[in-house]
N, C-alpha and C. Protein backbone atom coordinates (compact mmCIF):
# COMPACT_ATOMS: atom_id res chain seq x y z
N MET A 1 -10.26 13.20 19.10
CA MET A 1 -11.36 11.98 19.15
C MET A 1 -10.70 11.12 17.44
N PRO A 2 -10.28 10.08 17.74
CA PRO A 2 -10.10 9.10 16.59
C PRO A 2 -11.22 8.91 15.78
N LYS A 3 -10.90 8.85 14.40
CA LYS A 3 -11.74 8.30 13.11
C LYS A 3 -12.22 7.29 13.44
N ILE A 4 -13.19 6.98 13.04
CA ILE A 4 -13.60 5.51 13.01
C ILE A 4 -13.82 4.96 11.36
N PHE A 5 -13.01 4.17 11.48
CA PHE A 5 -12.99 3.25 9.99
C PHE A 5 -14.21 2.49 9.59
N GLN A 6 -14.53 2.42 8.36
CA GLN A 6 -15.69 1.45 7.90
C GLN A 6 -15.20 -0.09 8.11
N ASP A 7 -14.18 -0.74 8.61
CA ASP A 7 -14.20 -1.83 8.85
C ASP A 7 -13.62 -2.30 10.22
N GLY A 8 -14.34 -1.08 10.77
CA GLY A 8 -14.29 -0.99 12.70
C GLY A 8 -12.49 -0.89 13.02
N SER A 9 -11.74 -0.66 12.57
CA SER A 9 -10.40 -0.74 12.86
C SER A 9 -10.49 0.99 13.88
N GLN A 10 -9.52 0.78 14.90
CA GLN A 10 -9.22 1.63 15.97
C GLN A 10 -10.42 1.97 16.96
N VAL A 11 -11.05 0.10 17.34
CA VAL A 11 -12.36 0.75 18.22
C VAL A 11 -11.65 0.50 19.58
N ASP A 12 -10.34 -0.06 19.94
CA ASP A 12 -9.86 0.22 21.20
C ASP A 12 -9.02 1.51 21.27
N ILE A 13 -8.71 2.18 20.67
CA ILE A 13 -8.10 2.94 20.90
C ILE A 13 -8.91 4.45 21.57
N LEU A 14 -10.54 4.07 21.26
CA LEU A 14 -11.45 5.15 22.28
C LEU A 14 -11.69 4.72 23.52
N ASN A 15 -11.35 3.43 24.02
CA ASN A 15 -11.49 3.04 25.54
C ASN A 15 -10.23 3.22 25.81
N LYS A 16 -9.19 3.71 25.39
CA LYS A 16 -7.80 3.92 26.21
C LYS A 16 -7.83 5.23 26.49
N HIS A 17 -8.51 6.09 25.74
CA HIS A 17 -8.55 7.45 25.73
C HIS A 17 -9.30 8.03 27.24
N PHE A 18 -10.40 7.17 27.68
CA PHE A 18 -10.95 7.36 29.12
C PHE A 18 -10.98 6.23 29.73
N LYS A 19 -10.88 7.30 31.26
CA LYS A 19 -10.71 6.34 32.44
C LYS A 19 -11.93 6.26 32.89
N GLN A 20 -12.02 5.06 33.94
CA GLN A 20 -13.46 4.66 34.56
C GLN A 20 -13.81 5.81 35.43
N GLY A 21 -15.11 6.43 35.36
CA GLY A 21 -15.74 7.17 36.30
C GLY A 21 -15.66 8.56 35.68
N GLN A 22 -14.90 9.03 34.59
CA GLN A 22 -14.65 10.05 33.64
C GLN A 22 -15.92 10.37 32.88
N SER A 23 -16.49 11.61 33.04
CA SER A 23 -18.06 11.72 32.37
C SER A 23 -17.28 11.95 30.78
N LEU A 24 -18.22 11.83 29.92
CA LEU A 24 -18.45 11.76 28.73
C LEU A 24 -19.53 12.75 28.15
N THR A 25 -19.18 13.27 27.01
CA THR A 25 -20.65 13.89 26.37
C THR A 25 -21.24 13.00 25.59
N HIS A 26 -22.22 13.69 25.27
CA HIS A 26 -23.06 12.77 24.68
C HIS A 26 -22.67 12.13 23.51
N ASP A 27 -21.82 12.61 22.76
CA ASP A 27 -21.74 12.73 21.21
C ASP A 27 -20.47 11.52 21.64
N GLU A 28 -19.55 11.44 22.54
CA GLU A 28 -18.41 10.81 23.11
C GLU A 28 -19.13 9.16 23.24
N ALA A 29 -20.25 8.88 24.20
CA ALA A 29 -20.78 8.13 24.52
C ALA A 29 -21.83 7.36 23.35
N ILE A 30 -22.32 7.87 22.25
CA ILE A 30 -22.69 7.40 21.27
C ILE A 30 -21.75 6.76 20.58
N LEU A 31 -20.30 7.71 19.95
CA LEU A 31 -19.31 7.17 19.30
C LEU A 31 -18.78 5.71 19.95
N ILE A 32 -18.53 5.86 21.12
CA ILE A 32 -18.18 4.63 22.05
C ILE A 32 -19.43 3.41 21.58
N LYS A 33 -20.32 3.61 21.92
CA LYS A 33 -21.52 2.43 21.75
C LYS A 33 -21.59 1.71 20.33
N ILE A 34 -21.30 2.99 19.29
CA ILE A 34 -21.28 2.53 18.08
C ILE A 34 -19.86 1.58 17.49
N ASN A 35 -18.93 1.97 18.28
CA ASN A 35 -17.50 0.97 17.99
C ASN A 35 -17.78 -0.03 18.47
N ARG A 36 -18.41 -0.27 19.94
CA ARG A 36 -18.55 -1.55 20.17
C ARG A 36 -19.61 -2.26 19.53
N LEU A 37 -20.27 -1.94 18.87
CA LEU A 37 -21.22 -2.62 17.77
C LEU A 37 -20.66 -3.10 16.62
N ALA A 38 -19.42 -2.26 16.43
CA ALA A 38 -18.88 -2.77 15.24
C ALA A 38 -17.80 -3.92 15.47
N GLN A 39 -17.34 -4.07 16.95
CA GLN A 39 -16.69 -4.96 17.31
C GLN A 39 -17.14 -6.19 17.34
N ARG A 40 -18.26 -6.30 18.03
CA ARG A 40 -19.34 -7.49 17.98
C ARG A 40 -19.63 -8.06 17.06
N MET A 41 -20.07 -7.29 15.83
CA MET A 41 -20.09 -7.80 14.55
C MET A 41 -18.63 -8.36 14.00
N GLN A 42 -17.57 -8.06 14.36
CA GLN A 42 -16.50 -8.33 13.72
C GLN A 42 -16.35 -9.95 14.33
N ASP A 43 -16.39 -9.69 15.25
CA ASP A 43 -16.52 -11.06 16.65
C ASP A 43 -17.15 -12.09 15.88
N LEU A 44 -18.63 -11.67 15.66
CA LEU A 44 -19.54 -12.79 15.34
C LEU A 44 -18.97 -13.19 13.72
N LYS A 45 -18.53 -12.31 13.08
CA LYS A 45 -18.11 -12.67 11.52
C LYS A 45 -16.99 -14.07 12.01
N LYS A 46 -16.03 -13.43 12.58
CA LYS A 46 -15.03 -14.60 12.82
C LYS A 46 -15.50 -15.91 13.12
N LYS A 47 -16.43 -15.39 14.20
CA LYS A 47 -16.85 -17.19 15.03
C LYS A 47 -17.60 -17.71 14.00
N TYR A 48 -18.42 -17.24 13.11
CA TYR A 48 -19.17 -18.15 12.46
C TYR A 48 -18.64 -18.31 10.90
N GLU A 49 -17.13 -17.37 10.76
CA GLU A 49 -16.75 -17.98 9.02
C GLU A 49 -16.59 -19.14 8.43
N GLU A 50 -16.39 -20.01 9.47
CA GLU A 50 -16.47 -21.65 8.74
C GLU A 50 -17.46 -22.08 8.35
N TYR A 51 -18.80 -21.04 8.61
CA TYR A 51 -20.12 -21.74 7.88
C TYR A 51 -20.02 -21.01 6.31
N ALA A 52 -19.27 -19.91 6.52
CA ALA A 52 -19.30 -19.04 5.04
C ALA A 52 -17.90 -19.75 3.86
N GLU A 53 -17.49 -20.83 4.18
CA GLU A 53 -16.52 -20.79 3.72
C GLU A 53 -16.87 -21.18 2.07
N PHE A 54 -17.88 -21.50 1.69
CA PHE A 54 -18.22 -21.43 0.16
C PHE A 54 -19.00 -20.30 -0.60
N ASN A 55 -19.74 -19.53 0.76
CA ASN A 55 -20.70 -18.19 0.14
C ASN A 55 -20.09 -17.30 0.97
N PRO A 56 -20.22 -16.14 0.17
CA PRO A 56 -20.09 -15.04 1.16
C PRO A 56 -20.82 -14.67 2.16
N ILE A 57 -20.90 -13.89 3.15
CA ILE A 57 -21.54 -13.24 3.84
C ILE A 57 -22.60 -12.16 4.01
N ARG A 58 -23.74 -12.61 4.25
CA ARG A 58 -24.74 -11.07 3.92
C ARG A 58 -24.98 -10.68 5.36
N VAL A 59 -24.70 -9.02 5.95
CA VAL A 59 -25.32 -8.67 6.96
C VAL A 59 -26.15 -7.31 6.38
N VAL A 60 -27.33 -7.62 7.07
CA VAL A 60 -28.32 -6.58 6.83
C VAL A 60 -28.45 -5.83 8.43
N ASP A 61 -28.15 -4.51 8.26
CA ASP A 61 -28.27 -3.94 9.37
C ASP A 61 -29.76 -3.16 9.31
N GLU A 62 -30.78 -3.18 10.12
CA GLU A 62 -31.79 -2.47 10.22
C GLU A 62 -32.33 -2.00 11.87
N PRO A 63 -33.10 -0.72 11.93
CA PRO A 63 -33.46 -0.54 13.14
C PRO A 63 -34.25 -1.18 13.63
N ASN A 64 -34.07 -1.55 15.16
CA ASN A 64 -34.74 -2.76 15.84
C ASN A 64 -36.37 -2.11 16.08
N GLY A 65 -36.79 -0.80 16.32
CA GLY A 65 -37.28 -0.21 16.58
C GLY A 65 -37.33 0.15 18.07
N ARG A 66 -36.17 0.10 19.00
CA ARG A 66 -35.96 0.45 20.12
C ARG A 66 -34.90 1.22 20.46
N GLY A 67 -34.63 1.95 19.15
CA GLY A 67 -33.26 2.84 19.43
C GLY A 67 -32.07 1.89 19.39
N GLY A 68 -32.01 0.88 18.61
CA GLY A 68 -30.86 -0.01 18.52
C GLY A 68 -30.96 -0.44 17.14
N VAL A 69 -29.74 -1.09 16.67
CA VAL A 69 -29.87 -1.87 15.51
C VAL A 69 -29.38 -2.99 15.31
N HIS A 70 -30.15 -3.93 14.55
CA HIS A 70 -30.40 -5.13 14.98
C HIS A 70 -29.47 -5.78 13.11
N ALA A 71 -28.04 -6.61 13.81
CA ALA A 71 -27.81 -6.97 12.67
C ALA A 71 -27.84 -8.63 12.38
N ARG A 72 -28.00 -8.78 11.16
CA ARG A 72 -28.66 -10.04 10.73
C ARG A 72 -27.36 -10.63 9.78
N TYR A 73 -26.92 -11.84 10.41
CA TYR A 73 -26.01 -12.68 9.56
C TYR A 73 -26.42 -13.68 8.97
N PHE A 74 -25.84 -14.11 7.49
CA PHE A 74 -26.76 -14.73 6.94
C PHE A 74 -25.43 -15.78 6.38
N PHE A 75 -25.38 -17.21 6.72
CA PHE A 75 -24.24 -18.18 6.11
C PHE A 75 -25.07 -19.00 5.31
N ALA A 76 -24.46 -19.54 4.43
CA ALA A 76 -24.79 -20.58 3.56
C ALA A 76 -23.72 -21.44 2.86
N GLY A 77 -23.49 -22.48 3.07
CA GLY A 77 -22.62 -23.52 2.51
C GLY A 77 -22.85 -25.06 2.68
N SER A 78 -22.81 -25.80 1.67
CA SER A 78 -22.98 -27.24 1.60
C SER A 78 -24.70 -27.11 1.95
N GLY A 79 -25.34 -26.74 1.30
CA GLY A 79 -26.97 -26.81 1.48
C GLY A 79 -27.21 -26.46 3.01
N CYS A 80 -26.72 -25.51 3.42
CA CYS A 80 -26.76 -25.18 4.85
C CYS A 80 -27.10 -23.71 4.92
N SER A 81 -27.64 -23.34 6.18
CA SER A 81 -27.96 -21.61 6.50
C SER A 81 -27.94 -21.59 7.73
N LEU A 82 -27.53 -20.63 8.32
CA LEU A 82 -27.79 -20.06 9.54
C LEU A 82 -27.90 -18.68 9.67
N GLU A 83 -28.48 -17.86 10.61
CA GLU A 83 -28.87 -16.80 10.96
C GLU A 83 -28.24 -16.62 12.13
N LYS A 84 -27.63 -15.65 12.48
CA LYS A 84 -27.05 -15.33 13.63
C LYS A 84 -27.35 -13.67 13.75
N SER A 85 -28.17 -13.43 15.20
CA SER A 85 -28.94 -11.65 15.28
C SER A 85 -28.18 -11.37 16.54
N GLU A 86 -27.92 -10.06 16.59
CA GLU A 86 -27.80 -9.37 17.61
C GLU A 86 -28.16 -7.97 17.74
N SER A 87 -28.44 -7.45 18.84
CA SER A 87 -29.32 -6.24 19.17
C SER A 87 -28.66 -5.38 19.85
N VAL A 88 -28.08 -4.11 19.42
CA VAL A 88 -27.32 -3.32 20.54
C VAL A 88 -27.76 -2.05 20.94
N ARG A 89 -28.37 -1.53 21.81
CA ARG A 89 -29.01 -0.49 22.14
C ARG A 89 -27.94 0.90 22.18
N VAL A 90 -28.64 1.68 21.29
CA VAL A 90 -27.66 3.16 21.32
C VAL A 90 -28.79 4.19 22.00
N TYR A 91 -28.28 4.69 22.92
CA TYR A 91 -28.93 5.96 23.51
C TYR A 91 -28.86 6.90 22.98
């Protein structure tokens, strides 16, 4: 099993090792879901980078109360702010 890095790299490597319909262990399934969450967070960061041109992005991860993680993105620039939230359920 490849290592997961904090920056979310090697996310695609996990999907290449498994064939459709192949049974996974519980740990492998959780690992894939966590990596998909990391990839979504990276995609959101890229999508909204233009809003953070003058100020850094703050990300707050917190449990959503349903077994998942709620990631909040705060952007501020030119007196404007934007919040983008995403929830991913991890079983």
